[in-house]
Amino acid sequence: MQGSSLLKQAREAKQLSLRRAAAQAGIDPAHLSRVERGERQLSVEALQRLAQVVGLHELAANLRPFIGESKP
């Protein structure tokens, strides 16, 4: 899946291990691994948190209206 590949590429570009990125985003590392392999999907809330962690700030900002929160 193309989107999950982008997440993995962004995570690796920030030199974050899967475990560290998952911990910072509040996601189970095993679940994130499956997401990166295209086997599972993230909730909008989890995707927004992960996007922020891996530096996809525009994506994170664009997702905020869909989670009903205005976090910086």
Protein backbone atom coordinates (compact mmCIF):
# COMPACT_ATOMS: atom_id res chain seq x y z
CA MET A 1 0.00 0.00 0.00
CA GLN A 2 1.39 3.35 -1.03
CA GLY A 3 0.34 5.37 2.06
CA SER A 4 1.91 2.94 4.48
CA SER A 5 5.12 3.04 2.44
CA LEU A 6 5.16 6.83 2.78
CA LEU A 7 4.80 6.55 6.55
CA LYS A 8 7.71 4.11 6.74
CA GLN A 9 9.86 6.30 4.50
CA ALA A 10 9.10 9.37 6.62
CA ARG A 11 9.85 7.45 9.82
CA GLU A 12 13.16 6.19 8.45
CA ALA A 13 14.08 9.66 7.14
CA LYS A 14 13.70 10.96 10.71
CA GLN A 15 15.91 8.03 11.83
CA LEU A 16 13.21 6.78 14.18
CA SER A 17 12.96 3.12 15.02
CA LEU A 18 9.55 1.57 14.64
CA ARG A 19 9.30 1.14 18.41
CA ARG A 20 10.25 4.73 19.16
CA ALA A 21 7.86 6.19 16.59
CA ALA A 22 5.07 3.97 17.85
CA ALA A 23 5.75 4.96 21.47
CA GLN A 24 5.79 8.67 20.64
CA ALA A 25 2.53 8.35 18.69
CA GLY A 26 0.84 6.15 21.29
CA ILE A 27 0.51 3.20 18.91
CA ASP A 28 1.30 -0.45 19.59
CA PRO A 29 4.58 -1.26 17.77
CA ALA A 30 3.20 -4.54 16.39
CA HIS A 31 0.20 -2.69 14.97
CA LEU A 32 2.43 -0.04 13.39
CA SER A 33 4.53 -2.79 11.83
CA ARG A 34 1.41 -4.28 10.26
CA VAL A 35 0.35 -0.82 9.07
CA GLU A 36 3.71 -0.28 7.39
CA ARG A 37 3.34 -3.64 5.64
CA GLY A 38 -0.11 -2.64 4.39
CA GLU A 39 -1.90 -5.28 6.47
CA ARG A 40 -3.76 -2.92 8.80
CA GLN A 41 -4.95 0.67 8.91
CA LEU A 42 -4.69 3.40 11.51
CA SER A 43 -7.56 5.37 12.93
CA VAL A 44 -7.63 9.01 11.87
CA GLU A 45 -6.51 9.98 15.37
CA ALA A 46 -3.54 7.60 15.34
CA LEU A 47 -2.58 8.65 11.81
CA GLN A 48 -2.61 12.30 12.88
CA ARG A 49 -0.35 11.56 15.86
CA LEU A 50 2.04 9.46 13.78
CA ALA A 51 2.17 12.07 11.02
CA GLN A 52 3.22 14.64 13.61
CA VAL A 53 5.91 12.31 15.03
CA VAL A 54 7.45 11.50 11.64
CA GLY A 55 7.39 15.09 10.43
CA LEU A 56 4.43 15.01 8.05
CA HIS A 57 3.14 18.22 9.62
CA GLU A 58 0.90 19.25 6.72
CA LEU A 59 -0.85 15.87 6.80
CA ALA A 60 -1.23 16.13 10.58
CA ALA A 61 -2.73 19.60 10.25
CA ASN A 62 -5.12 18.49 7.52
CA LEU A 63 -6.39 15.62 9.69
CA ARG A 64 -7.18 17.77 12.74
CA PRO A 65 -10.70 18.77 11.59
CA PHE A 66 -11.62 15.10 11.30
CA ILE A 67 -10.74 14.27 14.90
CA GLY A 68 -12.57 17.16 16.50
CA GLU A 69 -9.50 18.50 18.29
CA SER A 70 -7.25 21.50 17.72
CA LYS A 71 -3.91 20.31 19.02
CA PRO A 72 -0.77 22.17 17.91
